[in-house]
């Protein structure tokens, strides 16, 4: 995807969210660090523009909810979550850049359930690359990009990387 494709994708996703949720009145957005935060900011900007609203947005750091902490030998950095609103009775839209195994989604849901009782939880992924290990599916998907296990997806945002693009690469993307 190039910059134009990414922009069009965010606008399309915003319209899908509005249609499915009947507006944004009870919606809150939470981006998963790191690139999920950029996804959340961009979808929020589209929703706010279309609906003339100010949808609450926060940031999750799911590091402490990972199921692989024992194997990482202290290599995990925790930057903290920034949620300044209640989630009880709200529709929580979790945002991330790439949906892969489903483990990040599981960790995010665990953190949400520690915070309160939302009416529902939705998940938005800019890219779904397949290879699920846990039974999660995005409610809103920007693009399905089937990959081989040896391939990776690199999502680049101008805010972090100087360009808007999505690349499929061999092995680990850098």
Protein backbone atom coordinates (compact mmCIF):
# COMPACT_ATOMS: atom_id res chain seq x y z
CA UNK A 1 0.00 0.00 0.00
CA UNK A 2 1.14 3.51 -0.67
CA UNK A 3 0.21 6.76 1.09
CA UNK A 4 -2.94 7.28 -0.99
CA UNK A 5 -4.08 3.71 -0.38
CA UNK A 6 -3.52 4.04 3.37
CA UNK A 7 -5.48 7.31 3.50
CA UNK A 8 -8.36 5.80 1.53
CA UNK A 9 -8.32 2.75 3.79
CA UNK A 10 -8.66 4.84 6.96
CA UNK A 11 -11.58 6.79 5.49
CA UNK A 12 -13.32 3.56 4.43
CA UNK A 13 -12.77 2.02 7.87
CA UNK A 14 -14.18 5.12 9.58
CA UNK A 15 -17.36 4.91 7.50
CA UNK A 16 -17.68 1.19 8.29
CA UNK A 17 -17.35 1.89 12.03
CA UNK A 18 -19.97 4.65 11.93
CA UNK A 19 -22.38 2.45 9.99
CA UNK A 20 -21.91 -0.62 12.16
CA UNK A 21 -21.97 1.22 15.49
CA UNK A 22 -24.71 3.66 14.55
CA UNK A 23 -22.40 6.64 15.13
CA UNK A 24 -19.66 7.33 17.65
CA UNK A 25 -21.63 8.45 20.71
CA UNK A 26 -20.58 5.54 22.97
CA UNK A 27 -17.29 4.75 21.23
CA UNK A 28 -13.82 4.96 22.77
CA UNK A 29 -10.60 4.15 20.92
CA UNK A 30 -7.50 2.50 22.34
CA UNK A 31 -4.31 2.09 20.32
CA UNK A 32 -1.80 -0.64 21.13
CA UNK A 33 1.78 0.62 21.40
CA UNK A 34 3.57 1.31 19.13
CA UNK A 35 2.10 1.53 15.65
CA UNK A 36 -1.42 0.77 16.88
CA UNK A 37 -1.33 4.22 18.46
CA UNK A 38 -0.80 5.79 15.05
CA UNK A 39 -3.63 3.67 13.66
CA UNK A 40 -5.87 4.87 16.52
CA UNK A 41 -4.94 8.53 15.98
CA UNK A 42 -5.68 8.31 12.27
CA UNK A 43 -9.01 6.52 12.67
CA UNK A 44 -9.97 9.00 15.40
CA UNK A 45 -9.17 11.93 13.07
CA UNK A 46 -11.38 10.42 10.35
CA UNK A 47 -14.23 9.68 12.75
CA UNK A 48 -14.04 13.13 14.34
CA UNK A 49 -14.04 14.79 10.92
CA UNK A 50 -16.99 12.80 9.58
CA UNK A 51 -19.11 12.95 12.75
CA UNK A 52 -18.06 16.37 14.07
CA UNK A 53 -17.16 14.64 17.34
CA UNK A 54 -14.23 14.24 19.70
CA UNK A 55 -14.00 10.48 20.26
CA UNK A 56 -11.99 9.67 23.41
CA UNK A 57 -8.69 7.96 22.65
CA UNK A 58 -6.16 6.23 24.85
CA UNK A 59 -3.01 4.14 24.60
CA UNK A 60 -2.36 0.56 25.77
CA UNK A 61 0.99 -0.90 26.60
CA UNK A 62 0.22 -4.62 26.69
CA UNK A 63 3.77 -5.65 27.67
CA UNK A 64 2.73 -6.87 31.13
CA UNK A 65 -0.13 -8.92 29.68
CA UNK A 66 1.99 -10.86 27.18
CA UNK A 67 1.94 -14.65 27.46
CA UNK A 68 5.62 -14.98 26.53
CA UNK A 69 7.21 -12.90 29.31
CA UNK A 70 9.07 -15.89 30.80
CA UNK A 71 10.89 -16.53 27.54
CA UNK A 72 12.00 -12.93 27.03
CA UNK A 73 14.43 -12.76 29.99
CA UNK A 74 13.73 -9.17 31.00
CA UNK A 75 13.87 -7.81 27.44
CA UNK A 76 10.39 -6.24 27.63
CA UNK A 77 10.14 -2.48 28.11
CA UNK A 78 6.94 -1.14 29.65
CA UNK A 79 6.02 2.44 28.78
CA UNK A 80 2.63 2.44 30.46
CA UNK A 81 -0.92 2.89 29.33
CA UNK A 82 -2.68 6.24 29.04
CA UNK A 83 -6.42 5.86 29.50
CA UNK A 84 -8.15 8.93 30.95
CA UNK A 85 -11.77 7.81 30.49
CA UNK A 86 -14.05 5.09 31.77
CA UNK A 87 -14.98 2.14 29.60
CA UNK A 88 -18.06 0.85 31.45
CA UNK A 89 -20.97 0.59 29.02
CA UNK A 90 -18.84 1.84 26.11
CA UNK A 91 -17.86 0.24 22.83
CA UNK A 92 -14.09 -0.11 23.02
CA UNK A 93 -12.33 -0.09 19.65
CA UNK A 94 -8.85 -1.62 19.98
CA UNK A 95 -6.53 -0.58 17.14
CA UNK A 96 -3.33 -2.19 15.89
CA UNK A 97 -1.32 -2.15 12.70
CA UNK A 98 -0.99 -5.89 11.96
CA UNK A 99 -3.07 -8.86 13.08
CA UNK A 100 -0.93 -12.00 13.06
CA UNK A 101 -1.18 -14.72 15.73
CA UNK A 102 -3.91 -13.09 17.82
CA UNK A 103 -1.79 -12.99 20.98
CA UNK A 104 -1.65 -9.18 21.08
CA UNK A 105 -5.45 -9.01 20.86
CA UNK A 106 -5.76 -11.48 23.73
CA UNK A 107 -3.41 -9.38 25.85
CA UNK A 108 -5.34 -6.19 25.05
CA UNK A 109 -8.66 -7.79 25.97
CA UNK A 110 -7.15 -8.98 29.27
CA UNK A 111 -6.12 -5.42 30.07
CA UNK A 112 -9.52 -4.01 29.11
CA UNK A 113 -11.31 -6.47 31.37
CA UNK A 114 -9.13 -5.29 34.28
CA UNK A 115 -10.34 -1.72 33.65
CA UNK A 116 -14.09 -2.25 33.70
CA UNK A 117 -17.06 -3.68 31.88
CA UNK A 118 -17.48 -2.39 28.34
CA UNK A 119 -20.72 -2.95 26.42
CA UNK A 120 -18.63 -4.53 23.66
CA UNK A 121 -15.09 -4.75 22.37
CA UNK A 122 -14.27 -4.31 18.70
CA UNK A 123 -10.91 -4.78 17.01
CA UNK A 124 -9.50 -2.86 14.04
CA UNK A 125 -6.37 -4.01 12.20
CA UNK A 126 -4.89 -2.08 9.31
CA UNK A 127 -3.42 -5.34 7.94
CA UNK A 128 -4.50 -8.95 8.55
CA UNK A 129 -1.70 -11.27 7.48
CA UNK A 130 -3.25 -14.55 8.65
CA UNK A 131 -1.50 -17.34 10.61
CA UNK A 132 -3.73 -17.14 13.68
CA UNK A 133 -2.74 -19.13 16.77
CA UNK A 134 -5.70 -17.87 18.81
CA UNK A 135 -9.29 -17.57 17.51
CA UNK A 136 -9.48 -13.83 16.93
CA UNK A 137 -10.74 -11.98 13.89
CA UNK A 138 -10.71 -8.24 13.30
CA UNK A 139 -14.11 -6.56 13.21
CA UNK A 140 -12.65 -3.94 10.86
CA UNK A 141 -9.79 -4.83 8.50
CA UNK A 142 -8.02 -2.41 6.21
CA UNK A 143 -6.50 -5.06 3.96
CA UNK A 144 -5.97 -8.81 4.03
CA UNK A 145 -2.42 -9.64 2.99
CA UNK A 146 -1.83 -13.39 2.94
CA UNK A 147 1.80 -14.12 3.78
CA UNK A 148 4.05 -17.10 4.14
CA UNK A 149 5.31 -17.70 7.67
CA UNK A 150 8.81 -16.72 6.53
CA UNK A 151 7.54 -13.32 5.40
CA UNK A 152 6.86 -10.23 7.47
CA UNK A 153 4.78 -7.09 7.13
CA UNK A 154 6.34 -3.66 7.59
CA UNK A 155 3.86 -0.86 8.24
CA UNK A 156 5.45 2.56 7.86
CA UNK A 157 3.82 5.79 9.00
CA UNK A 158 5.09 9.28 8.22
CA UNK A 159 4.92 10.16 11.94
CA UNK A 160 7.44 7.43 12.80
CA UNK A 161 9.18 6.49 9.58
CA UNK A 162 8.95 9.42 7.17
CA UNK A 163 6.59 7.63 4.75
CA UNK A 164 3.18 5.99 4.60
CA UNK A 165 3.52 2.52 3.14
CA UNK A 166 2.98 -1.17 3.79
CA UNK A 167 5.56 -3.68 2.60
CA UNK A 168 5.75 -7.45 2.50
CA UNK A 169 9.32 -8.54 3.16
CA UNK A 170 11.34 -11.72 3.56
CA UNK A 171 12.04 -12.78 7.16
CA UNK A 172 12.14 -9.99 9.67
CA UNK A 173 11.24 -6.52 8.46
CA UNK A 174 13.33 -3.60 9.62
